[in-house]
Amino acid sequence: MDLTIGQVAARTGLSVHTLRLYEREGLLYTEVRRDAAGRRLYGQPDLDWLDVCTKFRASGMPLSAIRRFAELVRQGAGNEAERLELLRAHRDLVEGRIKELHDCLVLIEGKVATYEEHLSRGTAAALWTGDGG
């Protein structure tokens, strides 16, 4: 299966600009193939890798870390320990962000419960107490 950059953009939700950026920045683990006219061609392995990149980016992984991971994959076997180290470091950052977001959610849930209670009692005017409302 050969797909053009436009078809890949439509399938992945990534813009053509982003796909070109990923290629330019060395984020792909293989070199993008080209047809006789020089147009980019992508296959299923490229789509699979772009899915990985998209999830890495959505989780906050910097382009430099994705680039390093892609470099390691391109190098082949023998560097799995370094790949694992990179992934563990990013996992730790993501877990920290999840904890921060959980703490935020707990605060918001408490505020929602307070507002719901006051609105149901008709005492909403008493909500501002100087403690963050």
C-alpha atoms as a PDB file:
ATOM      1  CA  MET A   1       0.000   0.000   0.000  1.00  0.00           C
ATOM      2  CA  ASP A   2       1.457   3.314  -1.070  1.00  0.00           C
ATOM      3  CA  LEU A   3      -0.120   6.490   0.254  1.00  0.00           C
ATOM      4  CA  THR A   4       0.599  10.085  -0.663  1.00  0.00           C
ATOM      5  CA  ILE A   5       1.329  12.696   1.974  1.00  0.00           C
ATOM      6  CA  GLY A   6      -2.224  14.033   1.561  1.00  0.00           C
ATOM      7  CA  GLN A   7      -3.722  10.594   2.122  1.00  0.00           C
ATOM      8  CA  VAL A   8      -1.558  10.082   5.207  1.00  0.00           C
ATOM      9  CA  ALA A   9      -2.602  13.488   6.525  1.00  0.00           C
ATOM     10  CA  ALA A  10      -6.262  12.537   6.065  1.00  0.00           C
ATOM     11  CA  ARG A  11      -5.805   9.162   7.782  1.00  0.00           C
ATOM     12  CA  THR A  12      -3.718  10.384  10.722  1.00  0.00           C
ATOM     13  CA  GLY A  13      -5.175  13.813  11.344  1.00  0.00           C
ATOM     14  CA  LEU A  14      -1.675  15.271  11.066  1.00  0.00           C
ATOM     15  CA  SER A  15      -1.253  18.163   8.680  1.00  0.00           C
ATOM     16  CA  VAL A  16       0.928  17.906   5.601  1.00  0.00           C
ATOM     17  CA  HIS A  17       3.108  20.567   7.251  1.00  0.00           C
ATOM     18  CA  THR A  18       3.501  18.394  10.374  1.00  0.00           C
ATOM     19  CA  LEU A  19       4.376  15.325   8.304  1.00  0.00           C
ATOM     20  CA  ARG A  20       7.077  17.293   6.493  1.00  0.00           C
ATOM     21  CA  LEU A  21       8.323  18.647   9.826  1.00  0.00           C
ATOM     22  CA  TYR A  22       8.532  15.146  11.288  1.00  0.00           C
ATOM     23  CA  GLU A  23      10.569  14.043   8.285  1.00  0.00           C
ATOM     24  CA  ARG A  24      12.833  17.107   8.408  1.00  0.00           C
ATOM     25  CA  GLU A  25      13.374  16.740  12.162  1.00  0.00           C
ATOM     26  CA  GLY A  26      14.373  13.080  11.872  1.00  0.00           C
ATOM     27  CA  LEU A  27      11.393  11.781  13.817  1.00  0.00           C
ATOM     28  CA  LEU A  28      10.610   8.959  11.410  1.00  0.00           C
ATOM     29  CA  TYR A  29      12.432   5.715  11.862  1.00  0.00           C
ATOM     30  CA  THR A  30      12.780   5.098   8.128  1.00  0.00           C
ATOM     31  CA  GLU A  31      13.516   7.396   5.250  1.00  0.00           C
ATOM     32  CA  VAL A  32      10.356   8.357   3.419  1.00  0.00           C
ATOM     33  CA  ARG A  33      10.249   6.703   0.022  1.00  0.00           C
ATOM     34  CA  ARG A  34       9.643   8.772  -3.103  1.00  0.00           C
ATOM     35  CA  ASP A  35       8.042   7.939  -6.431  1.00  0.00           C
ATOM     36  CA  ALA A  36       9.631   8.697  -9.804  1.00  0.00           C
ATOM     37  CA  ALA A  37       8.298  12.262  -9.631  1.00  0.00           C
ATOM     38  CA  GLY A  38       9.790  12.803  -6.157  1.00  0.00           C
ATOM     39  CA  ARG A  39       6.476  12.654  -4.281  1.00  0.00           C
ATOM     40  CA  ARG A  40       6.544  11.104  -0.825  1.00  0.00           C
ATOM     41  CA  LEU A  41       5.132   7.595  -0.453  1.00  0.00           C
ATOM     42  CA  TYR A  42       4.117   6.060   2.852  1.00  0.00           C
ATOM     43  CA  GLY A  43       3.234   2.495   3.799  1.00  0.00           C
ATOM     44  CA  GLN A  44       1.571   0.814   6.779  1.00  0.00           C
ATOM     45  CA  PRO A  45       4.796   0.740   8.831  1.00  0.00           C
ATOM     46  CA  ASP A  46       4.999   4.531   8.390  1.00  0.00           C
ATOM     47  CA  LEU A  47       1.400   4.915   9.594  1.00  0.00           C
ATOM     48  CA  ASP A  48       2.129   2.697  12.586  1.00  0.00           C
ATOM     49  CA  TRP A  49       5.205   4.775  13.476  1.00  0.00           C
ATOM     50  CA  LEU A  50       3.268   8.032  13.060  1.00  0.00           C
ATOM     51  CA  ASP A  51       0.717   6.691  15.538  1.00  0.00           C
ATOM     52  CA  VAL A  52       3.558   6.149  18.026  1.00  0.00           C
ATOM     53  CA  CYS A  53       4.890   9.669  17.371  1.00  0.00           C
ATOM     54  CA  THR A  54       1.433  11.166  17.801  1.00  0.00           C
ATOM     55  CA  LYS A  55       0.981   9.472  21.158  1.00  0.00           C
ATOM     56  CA  PHE A  56       4.471  10.502  22.270  1.00  0.00           C
ATOM     57  CA  ARG A  57       3.692  14.129  21.349  1.00  0.00           C
ATOM     58  CA  ALA A  58       0.249  14.014  22.995  1.00  0.00           C
ATOM     59  CA  SER A  59       1.934  12.801  26.180  1.00  0.00           C
ATOM     60  CA  GLY A  60       4.289  15.775  26.110  1.00  0.00           C
ATOM     61  CA  MET A  61       7.421  14.060  24.838  1.00  0.00           C
ATOM     62  CA  PRO A  62       9.751  16.674  23.345  1.00  0.00           C
ATOM     63  CA  LEU A  63      10.716  16.397  19.691  1.00  0.00           C
ATOM     64  CA  SER A  64      14.326  15.874  20.769  1.00  0.00           C
ATOM     65  CA  ALA A  65      13.365  12.741  22.720  1.00  0.00           C
ATOM     66  CA  ILE A  66      11.276  11.384  19.839  1.00  0.00           C
ATOM     67  CA  ARG A  67      14.187  12.087  17.505  1.00  0.00           C
ATOM     68  CA  ARG A  68      16.579  10.205  19.804  1.00  0.00           C
ATOM     69  CA  PHE A  69      14.185   7.270  20.085  1.00  0.00           C
ATOM     70  CA  ALA A  70      13.809   7.159  16.289  1.00  0.00           C
ATOM     71  CA  GLU A  71      17.611   7.254  15.911  1.00  0.00           C
ATOM     72  CA  LEU A  72      17.946   4.313  18.264  1.00  0.00           C
ATOM     73  CA  VAL A  73      15.298   2.334  16.386  1.00  0.00           C
ATOM     74  CA  ARG A  74      17.030   3.107  13.080  1.00  0.00           C
ATOM     75  CA  GLN A  75      20.309   1.816  14.516  1.00  0.00           C
ATOM     76  CA  GLY A  76      18.705  -1.564  15.128  1.00  0.00           C
ATOM     77  CA  ALA A  77      19.397  -4.123  17.800  1.00  0.00           C
ATOM     78  CA  GLY A  78      21.868  -3.549  20.587  1.00  0.00           C
ATOM     79  CA  ASN A  79      20.580  -0.305  22.094  1.00  0.00           C
ATOM     80  CA  GLU A  80      17.411  -1.559  23.735  1.00  0.00           C
ATOM     81  CA  ALA A  81      18.650  -0.532  27.198  1.00  0.00           C
ATOM     82  CA  GLU A  82      18.974   3.088  26.053  1.00  0.00           C
ATOM     83  CA  ARG A  83      15.519   2.965  24.476  1.00  0.00           C
ATOM     84  CA  LEU A  84      14.120   1.588  27.717  1.00  0.00           C
ATOM     85  CA  GLU A  85      15.828   4.329  29.727  1.00  0.00           C
ATOM     86  CA  LEU A  86      14.333   7.004  27.481  1.00  0.00           C
ATOM     87  CA  LEU A  87      10.864   5.464  27.755  1.00  0.00           C
ATOM     88  CA  ARG A  88      11.084   5.076  31.536  1.00  0.00           C
ATOM     89  CA  ALA A  89      12.145   8.706  31.954  1.00  0.00           C
ATOM     90  CA  HIS A  90       9.205   9.857  29.869  1.00  0.00           C
ATOM     91  CA  ARG A  91       6.829   7.518  31.688  1.00  0.00           C
ATOM     92  CA  ASP A  92       7.910   9.097  34.983  1.00  0.00           C
ATOM     93  CA  LEU A  93       7.146  12.571  33.629  1.00  0.00           C
ATOM     94  CA  VAL A  94       3.736  11.449  32.379  1.00  0.00           C
ATOM     95  CA  GLU A  95       2.927   9.838  35.723  1.00  0.00           C
ATOM     96  CA  GLY A  96       3.845  13.111  37.455  1.00  0.00           C
ATOM     97  CA  ARG A  97       1.554  15.066  35.127  1.00  0.00           C
ATOM     98  CA  ILE A  98      -1.256  12.575  35.763  1.00  0.00           C
ATOM     99  CA  LYS A  99      -0.842  13.046  39.534  1.00  0.00           C
ATOM    100  CA  GLU A 100      -0.929  16.838  39.140  1.00  0.00           C
ATOM    101  CA  LEU A 101      -4.052  16.585  36.994  1.00  0.00           C
ATOM    102  CA  HIS A 102      -5.641  14.213  39.505  1.00  0.00           C
ATOM    103  CA  ASP A 103      -4.990  16.731  42.288  1.00  0.00           C
ATOM    104  CA  CYS A 104      -6.597  19.436  40.124  1.00  0.00           C
ATOM    105  CA  LEU A 105      -9.577  17.196  39.456  1.00  0.00           C
ATOM    106  CA  VAL A 106     -10.068  16.534  43.181  1.00  0.00           C
ATOM    107  CA  LEU A 107     -10.143  20.281  43.843  1.00  0.00           C
ATOM    108  CA  ILE A 108     -12.572  20.896  40.964  1.00  0.00           C
ATOM    109  CA  GLU A 109     -14.839  18.044  42.075  1.00  0.00           C
ATOM    110  CA  GLY A 110     -14.955  19.569  45.565  1.00  0.00           C
ATOM    111  CA  LYS A 111     -15.904  22.958  44.119  1.00  0.00           C
ATOM    112  CA  VAL A 112     -18.588  21.380  41.921  1.00  0.00           C
ATOM    113  CA  ALA A 113     -20.058  19.569  44.924  1.00  0.00           C
ATOM    114  CA  THR A 114     -20.066  22.777  46.963  1.00  0.00           C
ATOM    115  CA  TYR A 115     -21.758  24.795  44.211  1.00  0.00           C
ATOM    116  CA  GLU A 116     -24.325  22.063  43.551  1.00  0.00           C
ATOM    117  CA  GLU A 117     -25.172  21.899  47.230  1.00  0.00           C
ATOM    118  CA  HIS A 118     -25.518  25.682  47.614  1.00  0.00           C
ATOM    119  CA  LEU A 119     -27.553  26.019  44.426  1.00  0.00           C
ATOM    120  CA  SER A 120     -29.927  23.244  45.496  1.00  0.00           C
ATOM    121  CA  ARG A 121     -30.384  24.940  48.919  1.00  0.00           C
ATOM    122  CA  GLY A 122     -30.726  28.395  47.452  1.00  0.00           C
ATOM    123  CA  THR A 123     -27.672  29.641  49.344  1.00  0.00           C
ATOM    124  CA  ALA A 124     -25.444  30.351  46.334  1.00  0.00           C
ATOM    125  CA  ALA A 125     -24.944  33.988  47.406  1.00  0.00           C
ATOM    126  CA  ALA A 126     -22.908  32.730  50.373  1.00  0.00           C
ATOM    127  CA  LEU A 127     -20.345  30.959  48.180  1.00  0.00           C
ATOM    128  CA  TRP A 128     -17.620  33.590  48.120  1.00  0.00           C
ATOM    129  CA  THR A 129     -15.795  33.233  51.397  1.00  0.00           C
ATOM    130  CA  GLY A 130     -12.371  34.528  50.406  1.00  0.00           C
ATOM    131  CA  ASP A 131     -10.910  31.016  50.177  1.00  0.00           C
ATOM    132  CA  GLY A 132     -10.823  30.804  46.407  1.00  0.00           C
ATOM    133  CA  GLY A 133     -14.589  30.613  45.910  1.00  0.00           C
END
